[in-house]
N, C-alpha and C. Protein backbone atom coordinates (compact mmCIF):
# COMPACT_ATOMS: atom_id res chain seq x y z
N UNK A 1 -34.32 57.04 15.20
CA UNK A 1 -35.56 57.00 15.30
C UNK A 1 -36.06 56.06 13.77
N UNK A 2 -37.26 55.58 14.22
CA UNK A 2 -38.05 55.03 13.34
C UNK A 2 -39.78 55.07 13.64
N UNK A 3 -40.03 55.84 12.79
CA UNK A 3 -41.80 55.33 13.02
C UNK A 3 -42.69 54.30 12.13
N UNK A 4 -43.25 54.03 13.01
CA UNK A 4 -44.54 52.73 12.36
C UNK A 4 -45.55 53.22 12.56
N UNK A 5 -46.28 53.80 11.20
CA UNK A 5 -47.68 54.01 11.24
C UNK A 5 -49.03 53.09 11.01
N UNK A 6 -49.77 53.07 11.48
CA UNK A 6 -50.87 52.27 11.64
C UNK A 6 -51.92 52.54 10.69
N UNK A 7 -51.97 52.60 9.40
CA UNK A 7 -52.62 52.89 8.82
C UNK A 7 -53.88 52.69 8.51
N UNK A 8 -54.30 51.22 8.87
CA UNK A 8 -55.55 50.80 9.13
C UNK A 8 -56.12 51.59 10.28
N UNK A 9 -55.51 52.09 11.22
CA UNK A 9 -55.60 52.94 12.48
C UNK A 9 -56.02 54.44 12.17
N UNK A 10 -55.43 54.75 11.14
CA UNK A 10 -55.49 56.46 11.14
C UNK A 10 -56.88 56.98 11.07
N UNK A 11 -57.17 57.87 11.32
CA UNK A 11 -58.31 57.97 11.20
C UNK A 11 -58.08 59.95 10.45
N UNK A 12 -56.84 60.13 10.02
CA UNK A 12 -57.06 61.34 9.26
C UNK A 12 -57.31 62.84 10.28
N UNK A 13 -56.97 62.60 11.37
CA UNK A 13 -57.49 64.10 12.49
C UNK A 13 -56.20 65.21 11.76
N UNK A 14 -54.68 64.41 11.46
CA UNK A 14 -53.98 65.27 10.77
C UNK A 14 -52.86 66.00 12.01
N UNK A 15 -53.37 65.52 13.25
CA UNK A 15 -52.51 66.25 14.52
C UNK A 15 -50.71 65.97 14.10
N UNK A 16 -50.56 64.99 13.66
CA UNK A 16 -49.34 64.86 13.45
C UNK A 16 -48.64 65.76 12.48
N UNK A 17 -49.34 65.79 11.42
CA UNK A 17 -48.80 66.92 10.15
C UNK A 17 -48.88 68.23 10.83
N UNK A 18 -49.92 68.83 11.75
CA UNK A 18 -49.62 70.14 12.26
C UNK A 18 -48.43 70.05 13.05
N UNK A 19 -48.43 68.97 13.71
CA UNK A 19 -47.11 69.43 14.99
C UNK A 19 -46.13 69.04 14.11
N UNK A 20 -45.83 68.26 13.34
CA UNK A 20 -44.38 67.86 12.71
C UNK A 20 -44.38 67.81 11.24
N UNK A 21 -44.73 68.86 10.70
CA UNK A 21 -45.03 68.86 9.16
C UNK A 21 -44.12 68.30 8.31
N UNK A 22 -42.35 68.36 8.78
CA UNK A 22 -41.63 67.78 8.16
C UNK A 22 -41.34 66.42 8.34
N UNK A 23 -42.20 65.72 8.63
CA UNK A 23 -42.29 64.61 8.75
C UNK A 23 -43.40 63.81 8.25
N UNK A 24 -44.62 64.25 8.74
CA UNK A 24 -45.90 64.16 8.25
C UNK A 24 -46.60 64.93 7.21
N UNK A 25 -47.19 64.41 6.32
CA UNK A 25 -48.05 64.93 5.50
C UNK A 25 -49.15 64.17 5.18
N UNK A 26 -50.14 65.04 5.10
CA UNK A 26 -51.54 64.51 4.60
C UNK A 26 -51.56 64.54 3.09
N UNK A 27 -51.99 63.51 2.44
CA UNK A 27 -52.20 63.52 0.60
C UNK A 27 -53.83 63.43 1.23
N UNK A 28 -54.43 64.64 0.64
CA UNK A 28 -55.82 64.21 0.66
C UNK A 28 -56.39 64.65 1.78
N UNK A 29 -57.51 63.67 2.27
CA UNK A 29 -57.95 64.27 3.27
C UNK A 29 -57.57 62.69 4.49
N UNK A 30 -57.71 61.96 3.82
CA UNK A 30 -57.16 60.54 4.48
C UNK A 30 -55.97 59.74 4.56
N UNK A 31 -55.08 60.15 3.37
CA UNK A 31 -54.22 59.40 3.12
C UNK A 31 -52.75 60.12 4.04
N UNK A 32 -52.39 59.34 4.81
CA UNK A 32 -51.11 60.04 5.56
C UNK A 32 -49.69 59.56 4.90
N UNK A 33 -48.96 60.67 4.38
CA UNK A 33 -47.40 60.14 4.13
C UNK A 33 -46.55 60.57 5.49
N UNK A 34 -45.28 59.82 5.52
CA UNK A 34 -44.15 59.81 6.48
C UNK A 34 -43.26 59.39 6.53
N UNK A 35 -42.29 60.17 6.96
CA UNK A 35 -40.80 59.37 6.47
C UNK A 35 -40.74 58.64 7.70
N UNK A 36 -40.35 57.53 7.58
CA UNK A 36 -40.34 56.27 8.52
C UNK A 36 -38.98 56.21 9.01
N UNK A 37 -38.13 56.96 8.86
CA UNK A 37 -36.69 56.91 9.28
C UNK A 37 -36.32 58.65 9.65
N UNK A 38 -36.37 59.00 10.98
CA UNK A 38 -36.35 60.22 11.50
C UNK A 38 -34.80 60.59 12.04
N UNK A 39 -34.35 61.80 12.20
CA UNK A 39 -33.03 61.98 12.39
C UNK A 39 -33.41 62.46 13.72
N UNK A 40 -32.26 62.60 14.93
CA UNK A 40 -32.62 63.01 16.68
C UNK A 40 -33.15 64.44 16.36
N UNK A 41 -32.75 65.38 15.41
CA UNK A 41 -32.93 66.63 15.28
C UNK A 41 -34.48 66.86 15.28
N UNK A 42 -35.23 66.30 14.92
CA UNK A 42 -36.69 66.13 14.84
C UNK A 42 -37.53 65.43 16.35
N UNK A 43 -36.70 64.54 16.83
CA UNK A 43 -37.31 64.12 18.14
C UNK A 43 -38.39 65.15 18.69
N UNK A 44 -38.12 66.25 19.31
CA UNK A 44 -39.02 66.79 19.93
C UNK A 44 -40.13 67.29 19.14
N UNK A 45 -40.31 67.41 18.03
CA UNK A 45 -41.49 67.33 17.09
C UNK A 45 -41.90 66.03 17.17
N UNK A 46 -41.36 64.93 16.86
CA UNK A 46 -42.01 63.53 16.55
C UNK A 46 -42.46 63.41 18.21
N UNK A 47 -42.03 63.52 19.17
CA UNK A 47 -42.72 63.28 20.36
C UNK A 47 -44.20 63.99 20.47
N UNK A 48 -43.86 64.90 19.93
CA UNK A 48 -45.25 65.87 20.49
C UNK A 48 -46.23 65.61 19.52
N UNK A 49 -45.75 65.11 18.32
CA UNK A 49 -47.08 64.49 17.45
C UNK A 49 -47.06 63.09 17.76
N UNK A 50 -46.67 62.04 18.44
CA UNK A 50 -46.97 61.05 18.90
C UNK A 50 -47.87 61.26 19.97
N UNK A 51 -47.59 62.26 20.93
CA UNK A 51 -48.59 62.16 22.07
C UNK A 51 -49.74 62.70 21.55
N UNK A 52 -50.06 63.38 20.87
CA UNK A 52 -51.18 64.25 20.33
C UNK A 52 -52.34 63.04 19.42
N UNK A 53 -51.80 61.90 19.17
CA UNK A 53 -52.55 61.11 18.18
C UNK A 53 -53.52 60.68 19.10
N UNK A 54 -54.88 60.81 18.36
CA UNK A 54 -56.01 60.55 18.99
C UNK A 54 -56.30 59.05 19.14
N UNK A 55 -55.83 58.23 17.89
CA UNK A 55 -56.54 56.68 18.14
C UNK A 55 -54.89 55.99 17.98
N UNK A 56 -54.30 56.60 18.75
CA UNK A 56 -52.83 55.90 18.82
C UNK A 56 -52.22 54.73 17.58
N UNK A 57 -51.98 55.63 16.39
CA UNK A 57 -51.71 54.91 14.84
C UNK A 57 -50.41 55.19 14.98
N UNK A 58 -49.48 55.73 15.35
CA UNK A 58 -48.03 55.78 15.41
C UNK A 58 -47.28 55.55 16.57
N UNK A 59 -46.42 54.50 16.26
CA UNK A 59 -45.42 54.00 17.33
C UNK A 59 -43.84 54.63 16.88
N UNK A 60 -43.14 54.91 17.83
CA UNK A 60 -41.75 55.12 17.62
C UNK A 60 -40.81 54.54 18.33
N UNK A 61 -39.94 53.65 17.53
CA UNK A 61 -38.71 52.97 17.73
C UNK A 61 -37.72 53.88 17.89
N UNK A 62 -37.01 53.95 19.62
CA UNK A 62 -35.67 54.61 19.61
C UNK A 62 -36.01 56.07 19.46
N UNK A 63 -37.12 56.71 20.02
CA UNK A 63 -37.14 57.95 20.83
C UNK A 63 -36.49 57.83 22.06
N UNK A 64 -36.68 56.75 22.67
CA UNK A 64 -35.84 57.20 24.20
C UNK A 64 -34.12 57.44 24.09
N UNK A 65 -33.58 56.30 23.40
CA UNK A 65 -32.52 56.27 22.87
C UNK A 65 -32.18 57.70 22.21
N UNK A 66 -32.94 58.50 21.22
CA UNK A 66 -32.52 59.55 20.76
C UNK A 66 -32.55 60.67 21.88
N UNK A 67 -33.40 60.80 22.59
CA UNK A 67 -33.28 61.70 23.91
C UNK A 67 -32.48 61.55 24.52
N UNK A 68 -32.07 60.30 24.89
CA UNK A 68 -30.69 59.99 25.64
C UNK A 68 -29.35 60.41 25.04
N UNK A 69 -29.48 60.17 23.72
CA UNK A 69 -27.85 60.99 22.84
C UNK A 69 -27.81 62.61 22.94
N UNK A 70 -28.92 63.04 23.27
CA UNK A 70 -29.21 64.76 22.57
C UNK A 70 -28.73 65.36 23.55
C-alpha cells in the first residue's frame, strides 16, 4: 500500500494519528508525519484512519489489493 496525504487539505484533526499511530504522527498541532509505504499487516488500521478523515486528505493506493492478499 502507498499513502498519499494532501498536506494542503489536512486540517490537523489527528483522527488518522489516533486510529493508526504507527503510521501517522502529529508533529506539533498542524504538521502530519506519515509513512508513505505501509505493509499489509497495517491494512485494517489504515482503512479505519482513511475512513475517519474529515476533509478527505488521505488517499491509499493498493488498499483493495492488500485486502485481497490477506
